[in-house]
């Protein structure tokens, strides 16, 4: 996500100073992102507020079906507040916030891409948390399990599953087995792990912006079949 943000802002930098009005600038930036497509996406819409030659009040990027391999994000928005040029010609900003809507099936696919012993694990989400279910291989046996829990955050950007209650073939699972499951699945996904298609784009973005984005997940909320991740950078 941080690399994507850097590339988006460098794309923006190429249009900075045109003096275009809000609507025209937003249209030009939308077309530029669509042409560059740093990651697979179905659609991007850009809104601009208070665009001036040397300063922009705010920009919002809205994405649908955005792929940060191996995770598909159903909807995402990135809000950047007050951008301006510093005395070295680099872009600076006052703040950046993002929101991502992730469906349970897509989170399951991202999880399965890196687990081995729990390769059939499946995630379901309701308004109270997550259920992780599948089969645990014990010697020659394949024993069904189901564990309830929530997602926490580690290192600012990692989604980590914590078990609250669990069952193994209808019986309470021992704490040791809970720990094994948590070790196998975590982190479920790391927002810093995204590898952009072009490393050169990322390095050029960082040099031009003069800024290393520190991604920080601020809040995780739950809905029927999805989670909402709010953060800043």
Protein backbone atom coordinates (compact mmCIF):
# COMPACT_ATOMS: atom_id res chain seq x y z
CA UNK A 1 0.00 0.00 0.00
CA UNK A 2 2.82 2.44 0.85
CA UNK A 3 4.49 1.83 -2.52
CA UNK A 4 1.18 2.32 -4.32
CA UNK A 5 0.65 5.62 -2.51
CA UNK A 6 4.14 6.81 -3.47
CA UNK A 7 3.55 6.00 -7.14
CA UNK A 8 0.16 7.76 -7.08
CA UNK A 9 1.72 10.91 -5.64
CA UNK A 10 4.50 10.93 -8.22
CA UNK A 11 1.88 10.60 -10.95
CA UNK A 12 0.18 13.59 -9.36
CA UNK A 13 3.48 15.50 -9.31
CA UNK A 14 3.65 15.37 -13.08
CA UNK A 15 0.43 17.41 -13.23
CA UNK A 16 1.17 19.79 -10.37
CA UNK A 17 1.34 23.43 -11.37
CA UNK A 18 -0.92 23.18 -14.43
CA UNK A 19 -3.36 25.65 -12.91
CA UNK A 20 -6.30 23.46 -13.97
CA UNK A 21 -9.57 23.78 -12.08
CA UNK A 22 -10.67 21.04 -9.66
CA UNK A 23 -12.75 19.08 -12.17
CA UNK A 24 -10.17 19.25 -14.96
CA UNK A 25 -7.30 18.32 -12.66
CA UNK A 26 -9.25 15.35 -11.28
CA UNK A 27 -10.00 14.15 -14.81
CA UNK A 28 -6.35 14.46 -15.90
CA UNK A 29 -5.15 12.62 -12.80
CA UNK A 30 -7.72 9.84 -13.26
CA UNK A 31 -6.57 9.36 -16.86
CA UNK A 32 -2.90 9.34 -15.78
CA UNK A 33 -3.48 6.66 -13.11
CA UNK A 34 -5.53 4.55 -15.53
CA UNK A 35 -2.74 4.77 -18.12
CA UNK A 36 -0.02 3.88 -15.61
CA UNK A 37 -1.99 1.26 -13.63
CA UNK A 38 0.69 0.48 -11.03
CA UNK A 39 -1.48 -2.47 -9.88
CA UNK A 40 -4.50 -4.29 -11.35
CA UNK A 41 -7.77 -2.46 -10.69
CA UNK A 42 -11.25 -2.33 -12.19
CA UNK A 43 -11.83 1.38 -11.75
CA UNK A 44 -10.26 4.50 -10.26
CA UNK A 45 -12.03 7.81 -9.66
CA UNK A 46 -10.23 10.92 -8.45
CA UNK A 47 -11.71 13.97 -6.75
CA UNK A 48 -9.76 17.19 -6.23
CA UNK A 49 -10.49 20.08 -3.87
CA UNK A 50 -9.10 23.62 -4.03
CA UNK A 51 -6.49 23.03 -6.76
CA UNK A 52 -4.03 25.86 -7.22
CA UNK A 53 -0.73 26.22 -9.04
CA UNK A 54 1.48 25.68 -5.96
CA UNK A 55 -0.92 23.97 -3.56
CA UNK A 56 -3.84 21.51 -3.54
CA UNK A 57 -6.30 21.44 -0.68
CA UNK A 58 -7.04 17.72 -0.93
CA UNK A 59 -7.22 14.74 -3.27
CA UNK A 60 -9.19 11.52 -2.92
CA UNK A 61 -8.44 8.36 -4.91
CA UNK A 62 -11.30 5.84 -5.01
CA UNK A 63 -10.61 2.31 -6.27
CA UNK A 64 -12.74 -0.74 -6.97
CA UNK A 65 -11.35 -4.29 -7.18
CA UNK A 66 -7.80 -3.21 -6.38
CA UNK A 67 -5.24 -6.04 -6.28
CA UNK A 68 -2.33 -5.77 -3.87
CA UNK A 69 -0.98 -9.23 -4.60
CA UNK A 70 -2.05 -11.62 -3.19
CA UNK A 71 -4.98 -9.66 -1.75
CA UNK A 72 -7.96 -8.34 -3.72
CA UNK A 73 -9.47 -5.26 -2.05
CA UNK A 74 -13.11 -4.78 -2.98
CA UNK A 75 -13.09 -1.00 -2.44
CA UNK A 76 -10.42 1.40 -1.26
CA UNK A 77 -10.03 5.13 -0.83
CA UNK A 78 -6.89 7.17 -0.21
CA UNK A 79 -7.32 10.75 1.04
CA UNK A 80 -4.41 13.17 0.87
CA UNK A 81 -4.71 16.54 2.58
CA UNK A 82 -2.99 19.77 1.51
CA UNK A 83 -0.20 19.05 -0.93
CA UNK A 84 2.39 21.65 -1.83
CA UNK A 85 5.91 22.03 -3.22
CA UNK A 86 8.74 22.57 -0.75
CA UNK A 87 11.73 24.80 -1.48
CA UNK A 88 13.52 21.84 -3.12
CA UNK A 89 10.68 21.18 -5.55
CA UNK A 90 9.50 18.05 -3.78
CA UNK A 91 5.90 17.36 -2.88
CA UNK A 92 4.98 17.54 0.79
CA UNK A 93 1.60 16.93 2.40
CA UNK A 94 -0.14 17.49 5.71
CA UNK A 95 -1.57 13.99 6.07
CA UNK A 96 -2.83 10.84 4.41
CA UNK A 97 -5.59 8.43 5.37
CA UNK A 98 -6.86 5.26 3.72
CA UNK A 99 -9.86 2.94 4.05
CA UNK A 100 -10.07 -0.58 2.58
CA UNK A 101 -13.09 -2.88 2.31
CA UNK A 102 -11.97 -6.52 2.16
CA UNK A 103 -14.38 -9.41 1.55
CA UNK A 104 -14.09 -12.69 3.47
CA UNK A 105 -13.46 -14.75 0.33
CA UNK A 106 -10.62 -12.51 -0.77
CA UNK A 107 -9.07 -12.56 2.71
CA UNK A 108 -9.33 -16.37 2.61
CA UNK A 109 -7.51 -16.47 -0.74
CA UNK A 110 -4.73 -14.23 0.59
CA UNK A 111 -4.37 -16.47 3.65
CA UNK A 112 -4.25 -19.68 1.62
CA UNK A 113 -1.46 -18.24 -0.52
CA UNK A 114 1.03 -18.52 2.35
CA UNK A 115 -0.21 -21.23 4.77
CA UNK A 116 0.91 -24.84 4.32
CA UNK A 117 -0.47 -27.05 7.09
CA UNK A 118 -3.86 -25.33 6.99
CA UNK A 119 -4.15 -24.98 3.22
CA UNK A 120 -7.93 -25.53 3.25
CA UNK A 121 -8.53 -22.84 5.89
CA UNK A 122 -11.60 -20.70 5.30
CA UNK A 123 -12.49 -17.33 6.86
CA UNK A 124 -16.03 -16.15 7.51
CA UNK A 125 -16.79 -12.72 8.95
CA UNK A 126 -19.73 -11.32 10.88
CA UNK A 127 -20.23 -8.14 12.89
CA UNK A 128 -18.55 -9.62 15.98
CA UNK A 129 -15.39 -11.03 14.42
CA UNK A 130 -13.99 -13.87 12.36
CA UNK A 131 -14.35 -17.64 12.22
CA UNK A 132 -11.45 -19.67 10.84
CA UNK A 133 -12.33 -23.25 9.93
CA UNK A 134 -10.83 -26.17 8.07
CA UNK A 135 -9.05 -29.44 8.79
CA UNK A 136 -6.07 -29.96 11.06
CA UNK A 137 -3.79 -32.81 10.03
CA UNK A 138 -2.79 -34.92 13.04
CA UNK A 139 -0.73 -37.97 12.10
CA UNK A 140 -2.92 -39.83 9.55
CA UNK A 141 -6.09 -38.08 10.71
CA UNK A 142 -7.78 -35.01 9.27
CA UNK A 143 -9.75 -33.42 12.10
CA UNK A 144 -12.20 -30.56 11.48
CA UNK A 145 -11.66 -27.43 13.56
CA UNK A 146 -13.40 -24.09 13.96
CA UNK A 147 -11.91 -21.13 15.83
CA UNK A 148 -13.43 -17.74 16.63
CA UNK A 149 -11.39 -14.61 17.00
CA UNK A 150 -10.58 -11.07 15.98
CA UNK A 151 -7.88 -9.31 14.01
CA UNK A 152 -5.23 -7.30 15.77
CA UNK A 153 -2.38 -5.19 14.39
CA UNK A 154 1.34 -5.79 14.74
CA UNK A 155 4.21 -3.68 13.42
CA UNK A 156 1.72 -1.10 12.25
CA UNK A 157 0.68 -2.91 9.07
CA UNK A 158 0.18 -6.63 9.81
CA UNK A 159 -3.30 -8.13 10.23
CA UNK A 160 -2.93 -10.77 12.95
CA UNK A 161 -5.59 -13.31 13.98
CA UNK A 162 -6.12 -13.87 17.72
CA UNK A 163 -8.23 -16.87 18.81
CA UNK A 164 -10.94 -16.19 21.40
CA UNK A 165 -12.74 -19.53 21.38
CA UNK A 166 -12.28 -22.74 19.46
CA UNK A 167 -13.55 -26.23 18.81
CA UNK A 168 -11.98 -29.37 17.37
CA UNK A 169 -14.53 -32.00 16.32
CA UNK A 170 -17.00 -30.55 18.81
CA UNK A 171 -14.51 -30.50 21.70
CA UNK A 172 -12.65 -27.53 23.18
CA UNK A 173 -9.20 -27.26 21.65
CA UNK A 174 -6.14 -27.20 23.91
CA UNK A 175 -4.28 -23.88 24.17
CA UNK A 176 -1.21 -25.45 22.57
CA UNK A 177 -3.13 -26.25 19.40
CA UNK A 178 -4.57 -22.73 19.35
CA UNK A 179 -1.02 -21.41 19.42
CA UNK A 180 -0.01 -23.67 16.53
CA UNK A 181 -2.90 -22.41 14.41
CA UNK A 182 -2.09 -18.77 15.19
CA UNK A 183 1.57 -19.34 14.32
CA UNK A 184 0.63 -20.95 11.00
CA UNK A 185 -1.82 -18.28 9.80
CA UNK A 186 -0.14 -15.09 11.05
CA UNK A 187 0.25 -12.56 9.75
CA UNK A 188 -2.92 -13.09 7.73
CA UNK A 189 -1.79 -10.21 5.50
CA UNK A 190 0.80 -7.46 5.67
CA UNK A 191 -0.09 -4.17 3.97
CA UNK A 192 3.63 -3.46 3.58
CA UNK A 193 4.24 -6.68 1.66
CA UNK A 194 2.82 -5.41 -1.62
CA UNK A 195 5.38 -5.74 -4.43
CA UNK A 196 4.68 -3.25 -7.20
CA UNK A 197 5.24 -4.19 -10.80
CA UNK A 198 8.12 -1.76 -11.23
CA UNK A 199 10.79 -1.32 -8.56
CA UNK A 200 12.18 1.59 -10.56
CA UNK A 201 8.85 3.41 -10.18
CA UNK A 202 8.99 2.96 -6.43
CA UNK A 203 12.58 4.17 -6.07
CA UNK A 204 11.90 7.17 -8.31
CA UNK A 205 8.79 7.96 -6.27
CA UNK A 206 10.65 7.86 -2.97
CA UNK A 207 13.42 10.07 -4.33
CA UNK A 208 11.01 12.62 -5.76
CA UNK A 209 8.83 12.74 -2.67
CA UNK A 210 11.74 12.62 -0.24
CA UNK A 211 9.49 10.71 2.11
CA UNK A 212 9.26 7.16 3.48
CA UNK A 213 5.66 6.27 4.19
CA UNK A 214 5.07 4.66 7.59
CA UNK A 215 1.83 2.77 7.21
CA UNK A 216 -0.24 2.52 10.38
CA UNK A 217 -3.52 0.60 10.68
CA UNK A 218 -5.68 2.59 13.08
CA UNK A 219 -8.90 0.56 13.20
CA UNK A 220 -10.42 -2.73 12.02
CA UNK A 221 -14.21 -3.05 11.98
CA UNK A 222 -16.42 -5.98 11.00
CA UNK A 223 -19.50 -6.34 8.83
CA UNK A 224 -21.43 -9.25 7.37
CA UNK A 225 -18.91 -10.92 5.06
CA UNK A 226 -16.24 -8.21 5.13
CA UNK A 227 -13.85 -6.11 7.19
CA UNK A 228 -13.08 -2.39 6.98
CA UNK A 229 -9.47 -1.36 7.60
CA UNK A 230 -8.77 2.31 8.40
CA UNK A 231 -5.25 3.68 8.52
CA UNK A 232 -2.85 6.52 7.95
CA UNK A 233 0.57 7.10 6.46
